[in-house]
Amino acid sequence: MTHPMQEAAAGIEVFDPRLAPIVAGARLEKLCTGARWSEGPVWMHEDGAVLWSDIPNDRMLRWSEADGMSVWRTGVEFTNGHTRDLGGDLLHCSHGQRAIVRTRVSAGGVRAGTPDEIVVDRYLGKRLNSPNDIVVKRDGTIWFTDPPYGIASNHEGHKAEREQPANFVFRFDPSSGVLDAMTDAAQEPNGLAFSPDESLLYVSDTSAAMRSDGSGHHRLMVFEVRGGALANARVFAEVAPGLPDGFRLDAQGWIYTSSLDSVQVYHPDGSLLGKIRVPEKVGNLTFGGAQRDQLYIAASSSLYRITLRTEGIQRP
């Protein structure tokens, strides 16, 4: 069995006493390194592993306690975010294919050579921009963001002209095959996640990343979910330093978001509860482990882990 590389040189800042029992005794571990830009971690409970993207290197990596780090796949068309659908299959946001892609997963995990399937790649007959992050609702619908980062250059995709008139948050219904544009309220939507009861949808707007004129944002937005629509968009939090790229929620509705120097923890009332300092720029994160209490953090070249006294929302 392999062990974490080292205990990372980072601390935990508690700004609100409500956070203290959640992080009591917690320490950040650096599990492995060697990527160019780490993104989109997803927990694979079948074999106790984390998969994540190394986007510029056009590959996916894997880490487990038993095997350590390995290259899981290469030539993956610049996948970014990942999640599991209700049947346990793996869904990818593909910059290169400008599509949502599915990998079938059996009880024993993903079989070698399993072909991928394009789930959706067009809206109203036009190609998507470059799907970025993805979640699945309890009703089976697939929600994803579609900013232009993967077509802006050849660094994380294939440079191309956009065909969509805006940067939408989309909802795809696998049962009907219908793709709906839900909102373009975020200038450049990036991460997204539902509250535990799915009455709220949080979306990050990272438009400051590509706009040097000061018109961009680095914030979390929140929407009310009303049946098949989103309503009452508002700014939930301005996240600094850096950008709120990917994020996830725990079972009590707390938001754990990436930023330049840490994982920032927010209460649903908007309070910044504290920061889990990380010595690299945080790109995305996910909860995993048998108890769903391990937060896996994809940051720059490395993968980190911290065990918290909470339970993440993990589907399936």
C-alpha atoms as a PDB file:
ATOM      1  CA  MET A   1       0.000   0.000   0.000  1.00  0.00           C
ATOM      2  CA  THR A   2       1.269   3.458  -0.855  1.00  0.00           C
ATOM      3  CA  HIS A   3       0.962   6.425   1.438  1.00  0.00           C
ATOM      4  CA  PRO A   4       0.517  10.163   0.850  1.00  0.00           C
ATOM      5  CA  MET A   5       3.691  11.911  -0.273  1.00  0.00           C
ATOM      6  CA  GLN A   6       3.707  14.295   2.635  1.00  0.00           C
ATOM      7  CA  GLU A   7       1.605  16.396   4.906  1.00  0.00           C
ATOM      8  CA  ALA A   8       1.195  19.601   2.941  1.00  0.00           C
ATOM      9  CA  ALA A   9       2.516  22.809   4.424  1.00  0.00           C
ATOM     10  CA  ALA A  10      -0.840  24.481   4.824  1.00  0.00           C
ATOM     11  CA  GLY A  11      -3.087  25.535   7.659  1.00  0.00           C
ATOM     12  CA  ILE A  12      -6.769  25.945   8.360  1.00  0.00           C
ATOM     13  CA  GLU A  13      -8.174  29.382   9.110  1.00  0.00           C
ATOM     14  CA  VAL A  14     -11.422  29.420  11.075  1.00  0.00           C
ATOM     15  CA  PHE A  15     -13.387  32.669  10.793  1.00  0.00           C
ATOM     16  CA  ASP A  16     -16.641  31.358  12.270  1.00  0.00           C
ATOM     17  CA  PRO A  17     -16.941  28.956  15.233  1.00  0.00           C
ATOM     18  CA  ARG A  18     -19.445  26.841  13.305  1.00  0.00           C
ATOM     19  CA  LEU A  19     -16.541  25.512  11.221  1.00  0.00           C
ATOM     20  CA  ALA A  20     -14.347  24.473  14.152  1.00  0.00           C
ATOM     21  CA  PRO A  21     -15.879  21.019  14.826  1.00  0.00           C
ATOM     22  CA  ILE A  22     -15.841  20.172  11.104  1.00  0.00           C
ATOM     23  CA  VAL A  23     -12.083  20.704  10.757  1.00  0.00           C
ATOM     24  CA  ALA A  24     -11.038  19.510  14.221  1.00  0.00           C
ATOM     25  CA  GLY A  25      -7.905  17.382  13.857  1.00  0.00           C
ATOM     26  CA  ALA A  26      -7.918  17.670  10.069  1.00  0.00           C
ATOM     27  CA  ARG A  27      -4.662  17.846   8.131  1.00  0.00           C
ATOM     28  CA  LEU A  28      -3.990  18.357   4.461  1.00  0.00           C
ATOM     29  CA  GLU A  29      -2.142  15.550   2.659  1.00  0.00           C
ATOM     30  CA  LYS A  30      -0.362  15.826  -0.667  1.00  0.00           C
ATOM     31  CA  LEU A  31      -1.134  12.540  -2.406  1.00  0.00           C
ATOM     32  CA  CYS A  32       0.748  12.920  -5.684  1.00  0.00           C
ATOM     33  CA  THR A  33       2.031  15.399  -8.236  1.00  0.00           C
ATOM     34  CA  GLY A  34       3.107  15.570 -11.883  1.00  0.00           C
ATOM     35  CA  ALA A  35       0.213  17.188 -13.771  1.00  0.00           C
ATOM     36  CA  ARG A  36       0.299  20.487 -15.669  1.00  0.00           C
ATOM     37  CA  TRP A  37      -3.193  21.581 -14.594  1.00  0.00           C
ATOM     38  CA  SER A  38      -5.387  19.367 -12.423  1.00  0.00           C
ATOM     39  CA  GLU A  39      -9.171  19.553 -12.759  1.00  0.00           C
ATOM     40  CA  GLY A  40     -12.429  17.683 -12.343  1.00  0.00           C
ATOM     41  CA  PRO A  41     -11.793  15.014  -9.679  1.00  0.00           C
ATOM     42  CA  VAL A  42     -14.455  12.317  -9.383  1.00  0.00           C
ATOM     43  CA  TRP A  43     -14.738   9.494  -6.839  1.00  0.00           C
ATOM     44  CA  MET A  44     -14.948   5.903  -8.104  1.00  0.00           C
ATOM     45  CA  HIS A  45     -16.276   3.867  -5.178  1.00  0.00           C
ATOM     46  CA  GLU A  46     -15.993   0.585  -7.091  1.00  0.00           C
ATOM     47  CA  ASP A  47     -12.226   0.502  -6.611  1.00  0.00           C
ATOM     48  CA  GLY A  48     -11.643   3.278  -4.077  1.00  0.00           C
ATOM     49  CA  ALA A  49      -9.987   5.579  -6.584  1.00  0.00           C
ATOM     50  CA  VAL A  50     -10.061   9.185  -7.699  1.00  0.00           C
ATOM     51  CA  LEU A  51      -9.955  10.080 -11.386  1.00  0.00           C
ATOM     52  CA  TRP A  52      -9.127  13.589 -12.521  1.00  0.00           C
ATOM     53  CA  SER A  53      -8.121  15.590 -15.583  1.00  0.00           C
ATOM     54  CA  ASP A  54      -4.688  16.870 -16.541  1.00  0.00           C
ATOM     55  CA  ILE A  55      -6.140  19.082 -19.243  1.00  0.00           C
ATOM     56  CA  PRO A  56      -3.093  20.532 -21.082  1.00  0.00           C
ATOM     57  CA  ASN A  57      -1.525  17.058 -21.232  1.00  0.00           C
ATOM     58  CA  ASP A  58      -4.773  15.652 -22.686  1.00  0.00           C
ATOM     59  CA  ARG A  59      -4.977  12.804 -20.215  1.00  0.00           C
ATOM     60  CA  MET A  60      -6.811  11.554 -17.152  1.00  0.00           C
ATOM     61  CA  LEU A  61      -5.001  10.445 -14.019  1.00  0.00           C
ATOM     62  CA  ARG A  62      -5.927   7.951 -11.312  1.00  0.00           C
ATOM     63  CA  TRP A  63      -4.961   7.675  -7.654  1.00  0.00           C
ATOM     64  CA  SER A  64      -5.812   5.052  -5.041  1.00  0.00           C
ATOM     65  CA  GLU A  65      -4.352   4.001  -1.711  1.00  0.00           C
ATOM     66  CA  ALA A  66      -3.425   0.635  -3.194  1.00  0.00           C
ATOM     67  CA  ASP A  67      -1.823   1.788  -6.436  1.00  0.00           C
ATOM     68  CA  GLY A  68      -0.782   5.394  -5.960  1.00  0.00           C
ATOM     69  CA  MET A  69      -0.866   7.626  -9.034  1.00  0.00           C
ATOM     70  CA  SER A  70      -1.047   6.342 -12.590  1.00  0.00           C
ATOM     71  CA  VAL A  71      -2.098   7.533 -16.028  1.00  0.00           C
ATOM     72  CA  TRP A  72      -5.645   6.274 -16.525  1.00  0.00           C
ATOM     73  CA  ARG A  73      -6.183   7.370 -20.126  1.00  0.00           C
ATOM     74  CA  THR A  74      -4.445   9.479 -22.757  1.00  0.00           C
ATOM     75  CA  GLY A  75      -5.863  11.224 -25.810  1.00  0.00           C
ATOM     76  CA  VAL A  76      -9.084  12.029 -23.945  1.00  0.00           C
ATOM     77  CA  GLU A  77      -9.871  15.183 -25.966  1.00  0.00           C
ATOM     78  CA  PHE A  78      -9.115  17.573 -23.119  1.00  0.00           C
ATOM     79  CA  THR A  79     -11.736  16.461 -20.620  1.00  0.00           C
ATOM     80  CA  ASN A  80     -12.439  18.890 -17.789  1.00  0.00           C
ATOM     81  CA  GLY A  81     -15.199  18.195 -15.239  1.00  0.00           C
ATOM     82  CA  HIS A  82     -16.631  14.754 -14.462  1.00  0.00           C
ATOM     83  CA  THR A  83     -19.504  13.251 -12.501  1.00  0.00           C
ATOM     84  CA  ARG A  84     -21.477   9.999 -12.210  1.00  0.00           C
ATOM     85  CA  ASP A  85     -25.000   9.560 -13.534  1.00  0.00           C
ATOM     86  CA  LEU A  86     -27.753   7.737 -11.655  1.00  0.00           C
ATOM     87  CA  GLY A  87     -26.678   4.413 -13.131  1.00  0.00           C
ATOM     88  CA  GLY A  88     -23.082   4.934 -12.063  1.00  0.00           C
ATOM     89  CA  ASP A  89     -21.695   5.675 -15.508  1.00  0.00           C
ATOM     90  CA  LEU A  90     -18.999   8.312 -15.823  1.00  0.00           C
ATOM     91  CA  LEU A  91     -19.865  11.586 -17.543  1.00  0.00           C
ATOM     92  CA  HIS A  92     -17.139  13.859 -18.923  1.00  0.00           C
ATOM     93  CA  CYS A  93     -17.069  17.455 -20.124  1.00  0.00           C
ATOM     94  CA  SER A  94     -14.983  17.249 -23.300  1.00  0.00           C
ATOM     95  CA  HIS A  95     -13.369  20.475 -24.477  1.00  0.00           C
ATOM     96  CA  GLY A  96     -11.982  18.789 -27.578  1.00  0.00           C
ATOM     97  CA  GLN A  97     -15.243  17.207 -28.707  1.00  0.00           C
ATOM     98  CA  ARG A  98     -17.287  20.161 -27.436  1.00  0.00           C
ATOM     99  CA  ALA A  99     -19.604  17.592 -25.926  1.00  0.00           C
ATOM    100  CA  ILE A 100     -20.804  15.670 -22.906  1.00  0.00           C
ATOM    101  CA  VAL A 101     -19.377  12.162 -23.169  1.00  0.00           C
ATOM    102  CA  ARG A 102     -20.265   8.959 -21.283  1.00  0.00           C
ATOM    103  CA  THR A 103     -18.025   6.065 -20.238  1.00  0.00           C
ATOM    104  CA  ARG A 104     -19.927   2.943 -19.183  1.00  0.00           C
ATOM    105  CA  VAL A 105     -19.015   1.615 -15.736  1.00  0.00           C
ATOM    106  CA  SER A 106     -19.689  -1.943 -14.527  1.00  0.00           C
ATOM    107  CA  ALA A 107     -19.751  -3.235 -10.966  1.00  0.00           C
ATOM    108  CA  GLY A 108     -16.018  -3.866 -11.240  1.00  0.00           C
ATOM    109  CA  GLY A 109     -15.236  -0.398 -12.555  1.00  0.00           C
ATOM    110  CA  VAL A 110     -14.362   0.778 -16.043  1.00  0.00           C
ATOM    111  CA  ARG A 111     -13.177  -1.994 -18.338  1.00  0.00           C
ATOM    112  CA  ALA A 112     -10.066  -1.358 -20.433  1.00  0.00           C
ATOM    113  CA  GLY A 113     -10.923  -0.273 -23.945  1.00  0.00           C
ATOM    114  CA  THR A 114     -14.478   0.744 -23.062  1.00  0.00           C
ATOM    115  CA  PRO A 115     -15.604   3.069 -25.887  1.00  0.00           C
ATOM    116  CA  ASP A 116     -17.058   6.450 -25.033  1.00  0.00           C
ATOM    117  CA  GLU A 117     -20.421   7.705 -26.252  1.00  0.00           C
ATOM    118  CA  ILE A 118     -21.363  11.289 -27.068  1.00  0.00           C
ATOM    119  CA  VAL A 119     -24.397  12.208 -24.984  1.00  0.00           C
ATOM    120  CA  VAL A 120     -24.992  15.681 -26.433  1.00  0.00           C
ATOM    121  CA  ASP A 121     -22.879  18.056 -28.530  1.00  0.00           C
ATOM    122  CA  ARG A 122     -25.284  20.530 -30.149  1.00  0.00           C
ATOM    123  CA  TYR A 123     -27.928  23.032 -29.159  1.00  0.00           C
ATOM    124  CA  LEU A 124     -30.416  24.141 -31.827  1.00  0.00           C
ATOM    125  CA  GLY A 125     -28.182  22.569 -34.456  1.00  0.00           C
ATOM    126  CA  LYS A 126     -25.038  24.475 -33.442  1.00  0.00           C
ATOM    127  CA  ARG A 127     -21.977  23.077 -31.676  1.00  0.00           C
ATOM    128  CA  LEU A 128     -21.553  23.709 -27.979  1.00  0.00           C
ATOM    129  CA  ASN A 129     -18.730  25.991 -26.821  1.00  0.00           C
ATOM    130  CA  SER A 130     -16.668  23.725 -24.538  1.00  0.00           C
ATOM    131  CA  PRO A 131     -18.538  22.056 -21.656  1.00  0.00           C
ATOM    132  CA  ASN A 132     -16.692  22.727 -18.414  1.00  0.00           C
ATOM    133  CA  ASP A 133     -18.341  21.210 -15.340  1.00  0.00           C
ATOM    134  CA  ILE A 134     -21.265  18.901 -14.751  1.00  0.00           C
ATOM    135  CA  VAL A 135     -23.714  17.603 -12.136  1.00  0.00           C
ATOM    136  CA  VAL A 136     -26.643  15.192 -12.211  1.00  0.00           C
ATOM    137  CA  LYS A 137     -29.941  15.951 -10.483  1.00  0.00           C
ATOM    138  CA  ARG A 138     -31.932  13.285  -8.654  1.00  0.00           C
ATOM    139  CA  ASP A 139     -34.412  13.145 -11.534  1.00  0.00           C
ATOM    140  CA  GLY A 140     -31.578  12.035 -13.825  1.00  0.00           C
ATOM    141  CA  THR A 141     -31.230  15.287 -15.756  1.00  0.00           C
ATOM    142  CA  ILE A 142     -27.687  16.358 -16.600  1.00  0.00           C
ATOM    143  CA  TRP A 143     -26.731  19.983 -15.901  1.00  0.00           C
ATOM    144  CA  PHE A 144     -23.534  21.518 -17.243  1.00  0.00           C
ATOM    145  CA  THR A 145     -21.820  24.827 -17.930  1.00  0.00           C
ATOM    146  CA  ASP A 146     -20.623  25.847 -21.386  1.00  0.00           C
ATOM    147  CA  PRO A 147     -18.066  28.689 -21.354  1.00  0.00           C
ATOM    148  CA  PRO A 148     -15.604  29.206 -24.246  1.00  0.00           C
ATOM    149  CA  TYR A 149     -12.343  28.305 -22.475  1.00  0.00           C
ATOM    150  CA  GLY A 150     -11.705  25.149 -24.503  1.00  0.00           C
ATOM    151  CA  ILE A 151     -12.025  26.914 -27.869  1.00  0.00           C
ATOM    152  CA  ALA A 152     -10.131  30.080 -26.895  1.00  0.00           C
ATOM    153  CA  SER A 153      -6.747  28.469 -27.650  1.00  0.00           C
ATOM    154  CA  ASN A 154      -5.065  25.124 -28.281  1.00  0.00           C
ATOM    155  CA  HIS A 155      -3.827  24.936 -24.677  1.00  0.00           C
ATOM    156  CA  GLU A 156      -6.882  23.124 -23.279  1.00  0.00           C
ATOM    157  CA  GLY A 157      -8.726  22.142 -26.442  1.00  0.00           C
ATOM    158  CA  HIS A 158      -8.888  23.090 -30.114  1.00  0.00           C
ATOM    159  CA  LYS A 159      -9.058  26.774 -30.982  1.00  0.00           C
ATOM    160  CA  ALA A 160     -12.249  27.435 -32.912  1.00  0.00           C
ATOM    161  CA  GLU A 161     -14.989  29.945 -33.575  1.00  0.00           C
ATOM    162  CA  ARG A 162     -17.938  29.799 -31.243  1.00  0.00           C
ATOM    163  CA  GLU A 163     -21.355  28.902 -32.610  1.00  0.00           C
ATOM    164  CA  GLN A 164     -23.516  29.563 -29.549  1.00  0.00           C
ATOM    165  CA  PRO A 165     -24.770  33.140 -28.959  1.00  0.00           C
ATOM    166  CA  ALA A 166     -24.058  33.007 -25.213  1.00  0.00           C
ATOM    167  CA  ASN A 167     -22.409  31.018 -22.438  1.00  0.00           C
ATOM    168  CA  PHE A 168     -25.294  28.952 -21.115  1.00  0.00           C
ATOM    169  CA  VAL A 169     -25.962  26.669 -18.214  1.00  0.00           C
ATOM    170  CA  PHE A 170     -27.671  23.719 -19.898  1.00  0.00           C
ATOM    171  CA  ARG A 171     -29.981  20.935 -18.752  1.00  0.00           C
ATOM    172  CA  PHE A 172     -30.124  17.704 -20.744  1.00  0.00           C
ATOM    173  CA  ASP A 173     -32.898  15.166 -20.203  1.00  0.00           C
ATOM    174  CA  PRO A 174     -31.635  11.695 -21.224  1.00  0.00           C
ATOM    175  CA  SER A 175     -35.166  10.299 -21.257  1.00  0.00           C
ATOM    176  CA  SER A 176     -36.402  12.733 -23.910  1.00  0.00           C
ATOM    177  CA  GLY A 177     -33.145  13.777 -25.551  1.00  0.00           C
ATOM    178  CA  VAL A 178     -34.055  17.438 -25.045  1.00  0.00           C
ATOM    179  CA  LEU A 179     -31.360  20.027 -24.281  1.00  0.00           C
ATOM    180  CA  ASP A 180     -32.546  23.280 -22.697  1.00  0.00           C
ATOM    181  CA  ALA A 181     -30.598  26.489 -22.107  1.00  0.00           C
ATOM    182  CA  MET A 182     -31.472  27.378 -18.511  1.00  0.00           C
ATOM    183  CA  THR A 183     -29.672  30.703 -18.020  1.00  0.00           C
ATOM    184  CA  ASP A 184     -26.939  32.965 -19.331  1.00  0.00           C
ATOM    185  CA  ALA A 185     -26.922  35.173 -16.222  1.00  0.00           C
ATOM    186  CA  ALA A 186     -23.306  34.230 -15.469  1.00  0.00           C
ATOM    187  CA  GLN A 187     -20.960  35.830 -18.007  1.00  0.00           C
ATOM    188  CA  GLU A 188     -18.736  32.745 -18.065  1.00  0.00           C
ATOM    189  CA  PRO A 189     -20.280  29.936 -16.003  1.00  0.00           C
ATOM    190  CA  ASN A 190     -17.790  27.434 -14.658  1.00  0.00           C
ATOM    191  CA  GLY A 191     -18.544  25.219 -11.643  1.00  0.00           C
ATOM    192  CA  LEU A 192     -22.051  24.279 -10.546  1.00  0.00           C
ATOM    193  CA  ALA A 193     -23.737  22.295  -7.777  1.00  0.00           C
ATOM    194  CA  PHE A 194     -27.174  21.836  -6.224  1.00  0.00           C
ATOM    195  CA  SER A 195     -28.113  22.351  -2.606  1.00  0.00           C
ATOM    196  CA  PRO A 196     -28.936  19.108  -0.742  1.00  0.00           C
ATOM    197  CA  ASP A 197     -32.686  19.493  -1.352  1.00  0.00           C
ATOM    198  CA  GLU A 198     -32.076  20.710  -4.936  1.00  0.00           C
ATOM    199  CA  SER A 199     -34.087  23.873  -4.340  1.00  0.00           C
ATOM    200  CA  LEU A 200     -31.024  25.983  -5.188  1.00  0.00           C
ATOM    201  CA  LEU A 201     -28.418  25.838  -7.937  1.00  0.00           C
ATOM    202  CA  TYR A 202     -25.051  27.479  -7.344  1.00  0.00           C
ATOM    203  CA  VAL A 203     -22.985  28.543 -10.370  1.00  0.00           C
ATOM    204  CA  SER A 204     -19.552  30.150 -10.420  1.00  0.00           C
ATOM    205  CA  ASP A 205     -18.808  33.038 -12.791  1.00  0.00           C
ATOM    206  CA  THR A 206     -15.089  33.182 -13.598  1.00  0.00           C
ATOM    207  CA  SER A 207     -15.258  35.754 -16.397  1.00  0.00           C
ATOM    208  CA  ALA A 208     -12.456  37.762 -14.757  1.00  0.00           C
ATOM    209  CA  ALA A 209     -10.063  35.080 -16.033  1.00  0.00           C
ATOM    210  CA  MET A 210     -10.319  36.227 -19.657  1.00  0.00           C
ATOM    211  CA  ARG A 211     -11.300  39.882 -19.320  1.00  0.00           C
ATOM    212  CA  SER A 212      -8.577  42.403 -18.563  1.00  0.00           C
ATOM    213  CA  ASP A 213     -10.868  45.435 -18.768  1.00  0.00           C
ATOM    214  CA  GLY A 214     -12.381  44.883 -15.327  1.00  0.00           C
ATOM    215  CA  SER A 215     -15.755  43.738 -16.656  1.00  0.00           C
ATOM    216  CA  GLY A 216     -15.336  40.136 -15.525  1.00  0.00           C
ATOM    217  CA  HIS A 217     -16.369  38.478 -12.277  1.00  0.00           C
ATOM    218  CA  HIS A 218     -14.973  36.073  -9.683  1.00  0.00           C
ATOM    219  CA  ARG A 219     -18.120  35.150  -7.820  1.00  0.00           C
ATOM    220  CA  LEU A 220     -20.631  32.494  -6.911  1.00  0.00           C
ATOM    221  CA  MET A 221     -24.209  33.002  -8.023  1.00  0.00           C
ATOM    222  CA  VAL A 222     -27.285  31.207  -6.727  1.00  0.00           C
ATOM    223  CA  PHE A 223     -30.606  30.491  -8.430  1.00  0.00           C
ATOM    224  CA  GLU A 224     -33.904  29.171  -7.129  1.00  0.00           C
ATOM    225  CA  VAL A 225     -34.947  25.952  -8.863  1.00  0.00           C
ATOM    226  CA  ARG A 226     -38.652  26.130  -9.635  1.00  0.00           C
ATOM    227  CA  GLY A 227     -39.874  23.082 -11.487  1.00  0.00           C
ATOM    228  CA  GLY A 228     -38.185  23.173 -14.851  1.00  0.00           C
ATOM    229  CA  ALA A 229     -36.843  26.708 -14.560  1.00  0.00           C
ATOM    230  CA  LEU A 230     -34.341  28.858 -12.687  1.00  0.00           C
ATOM    231  CA  ALA A 231     -35.452  32.062 -10.980  1.00  0.00           C
ATOM    232  CA  ASN A 232     -34.249  34.934  -8.796  1.00  0.00           C
ATOM    233  CA  ALA A 233     -30.572  34.918  -9.720  1.00  0.00           C
ATOM    234  CA  ARG A 234     -28.382  36.723  -7.212  1.00  0.00           C
ATOM    235  CA  VAL A 235     -24.751  37.026  -6.234  1.00  0.00           C
ATOM    236  CA  PHE A 236     -24.016  34.651  -3.372  1.00  0.00           C
ATOM    237  CA  ALA A 237     -20.356  35.513  -2.706  1.00  0.00           C
ATOM    238  CA  GLU A 238     -17.425  37.376  -4.219  1.00  0.00           C
ATOM    239  CA  VAL A 239     -14.515  34.946  -3.995  1.00  0.00           C
ATOM    240  CA  ALA A 240     -10.962  36.274  -3.692  1.00  0.00           C
ATOM    241  CA  PRO A 241      -8.103  35.900  -4.194  1.00  0.00           C
ATOM    242  CA  GLY A 242      -8.351  34.114  -7.494  1.00  0.00           C
ATOM    243  CA  LEU A 243     -11.459  32.509  -8.946  1.00  0.00           C
ATOM    244  CA  PRO A 244     -14.177  30.127  -7.706  1.00  0.00           C
ATOM    245  CA  ASP A 245     -13.542  27.486 -10.355  1.00  0.00           C
ATOM    246  CA  GLY A 246     -15.008  24.156  -9.205  1.00  0.00           C
ATOM    247  CA  PHE A 247     -16.853  23.559  -5.946  1.00  0.00           C
ATOM    248  CA  ARG A 248     -18.968  21.023  -4.077  1.00  0.00           C
ATOM    249  CA  LEU A 249     -21.455  20.973  -1.188  1.00  0.00           C
ATOM    250  CA  ASP A 250     -21.723  18.823   1.896  1.00  0.00           C
ATOM    251  CA  ALA A 251     -24.898  17.290   3.310  1.00  0.00           C
ATOM    252  CA  GLN A 252     -25.665  20.347   5.436  1.00  0.00           C
ATOM    253  CA  GLY A 253     -25.451  22.654   2.437  1.00  0.00           C
ATOM    254  CA  TRP A 254     -22.068  24.223   3.094  1.00  0.00           C
ATOM    255  CA  ILE A 255     -20.155  25.252  -0.027  1.00  0.00           C
ATOM    256  CA  TYR A 256     -16.489  24.247  -0.478  1.00  0.00           C
ATOM    257  CA  THR A 257     -15.071  26.303  -3.334  1.00  0.00           C
ATOM    258  CA  SER A 258     -11.739  26.587  -5.069  1.00  0.00           C
ATOM    259  CA  SER A 259      -9.743  29.823  -5.017  1.00  0.00           C
ATOM    260  CA  LEU A 260      -6.168  30.931  -5.607  1.00  0.00           C
ATOM    261  CA  ASP A 261      -4.776  29.969  -2.216  1.00  0.00           C
ATOM    262  CA  SER A 262      -7.317  27.740  -0.509  1.00  0.00           C
ATOM    263  CA  VAL A 263     -10.581  25.898  -0.382  1.00  0.00           C
ATOM    264  CA  GLN A 264     -12.988  28.509   0.962  1.00  0.00           C
ATOM    265  CA  VAL A 265     -15.925  27.273   3.039  1.00  0.00           C
ATOM    266  CA  TYR A 266     -19.235  29.162   2.964  1.00  0.00           C
ATOM    267  CA  HIS A 267     -22.420  28.736   4.967  1.00  0.00           C
ATOM    268  CA  PRO A 268     -25.701  28.896   2.998  1.00  0.00           C
ATOM    269  CA  ASP A 269     -26.340  32.247   4.712  1.00  0.00           C
ATOM    270  CA  GLY A 270     -23.371  33.656   2.774  1.00  0.00           C
ATOM    271  CA  SER A 271     -20.891  33.723   5.657  1.00  0.00           C
ATOM    272  CA  LEU A 272     -17.283  32.823   4.875  1.00  0.00           C
ATOM    273  CA  LEU A 273     -16.626  30.254   7.600  1.00  0.00           C
ATOM    274  CA  GLY A 274     -12.947  29.701   6.925  1.00  0.00           C
ATOM    275  CA  LYS A 275     -10.220  28.575   4.561  1.00  0.00           C
ATOM    276  CA  ILE A 276      -8.340  25.339   4.070  1.00  0.00           C
ATOM    277  CA  ARG A 277      -4.994  26.633   2.858  1.00  0.00           C
ATOM    278  CA  VAL A 278      -3.478  24.770  -0.106  1.00  0.00           C
ATOM    279  CA  PRO A 279       0.052  25.528  -1.361  1.00  0.00           C
ATOM    280  CA  GLU A 280      -1.037  25.422  -5.016  1.00  0.00           C
ATOM    281  CA  LYS A 281      -3.834  27.066  -7.005  1.00  0.00           C
ATOM    282  CA  VAL A 282      -7.031  25.078  -6.481  1.00  0.00           C
ATOM    283  CA  GLY A 283      -8.919  24.066  -9.614  1.00  0.00           C
ATOM    284  CA  ASN A 284     -11.650  21.722  -8.403  1.00  0.00           C
ATOM    285  CA  LEU A 285     -12.577  19.233  -5.704  1.00  0.00           C
ATOM    286  CA  THR A 286     -14.872  16.374  -4.765  1.00  0.00           C
ATOM    287  CA  PHE A 287     -15.904  14.360  -1.736  1.00  0.00           C
ATOM    288  CA  GLY A 288     -15.034  10.674  -1.611  1.00  0.00           C
ATOM    289  CA  GLY A 289     -14.051   7.810   0.639  1.00  0.00           C
ATOM    290  CA  ALA A 290     -16.273   5.162   2.204  1.00  0.00           C
ATOM    291  CA  GLN A 291     -17.869   7.740   4.522  1.00  0.00           C
ATOM    292  CA  ARG A 292     -17.827  10.557   1.942  1.00  0.00           C
ATOM    293  CA  ASP A 293     -15.812  12.614   4.430  1.00  0.00           C
ATOM    294  CA  GLN A 294     -12.607  12.905   2.408  1.00  0.00           C
ATOM    295  CA  LEU A 295     -12.257  16.062   0.336  1.00  0.00           C
ATOM    296  CA  TYR A 296     -10.035  15.460  -2.706  1.00  0.00           C
ATOM    297  CA  ILE A 297      -8.541  18.680  -4.077  1.00  0.00           C
ATOM    298  CA  ALA A 298      -7.127  19.073  -7.592  1.00  0.00           C
ATOM    299  CA  ALA A 299      -4.645  21.942  -7.445  1.00  0.00           C
ATOM    300  CA  SER A 300      -2.206  22.947 -10.185  1.00  0.00           C
ATOM    301  CA  SER A 301       0.176  19.975 -10.539  1.00  0.00           C
ATOM    302  CA  SER A 302      -1.044  17.928  -7.573  1.00  0.00           C
ATOM    303  CA  LEU A 303      -3.831  16.053  -5.825  1.00  0.00           C
ATOM    304  CA  TYR A 304      -4.496  16.706  -2.122  1.00  0.00           C
ATOM    305  CA  ARG A 305      -6.802  15.189   0.478  1.00  0.00           C
ATOM    306  CA  ILE A 306      -8.227  16.307   3.790  1.00  0.00           C
ATOM    307  CA  THR A 307     -10.620  14.328   5.995  1.00  0.00           C
ATOM    308  CA  LEU A 308     -13.408  16.425   7.500  1.00  0.00           C
ATOM    309  CA  ARG A 309     -16.127  15.750  10.043  1.00  0.00           C
ATOM    310  CA  THR A 310     -18.904  16.119   7.524  1.00  0.00           C
ATOM    311  CA  GLU A 311     -20.429  14.160   4.651  1.00  0.00           C
ATOM    312  CA  GLY A 312     -20.282  15.295   1.060  1.00  0.00           C
ATOM    313  CA  ILE A 313     -23.064  15.048  -1.456  1.00  0.00           C
ATOM    314  CA  GLN A 314     -22.026  12.204  -3.712  1.00  0.00           C
ATOM    315  CA  ARG A 315     -24.213  10.659  -6.396  1.00  0.00           C
ATOM    316  CA  PRO A 316     -24.788   7.873  -7.099  1.00  0.00           C
END
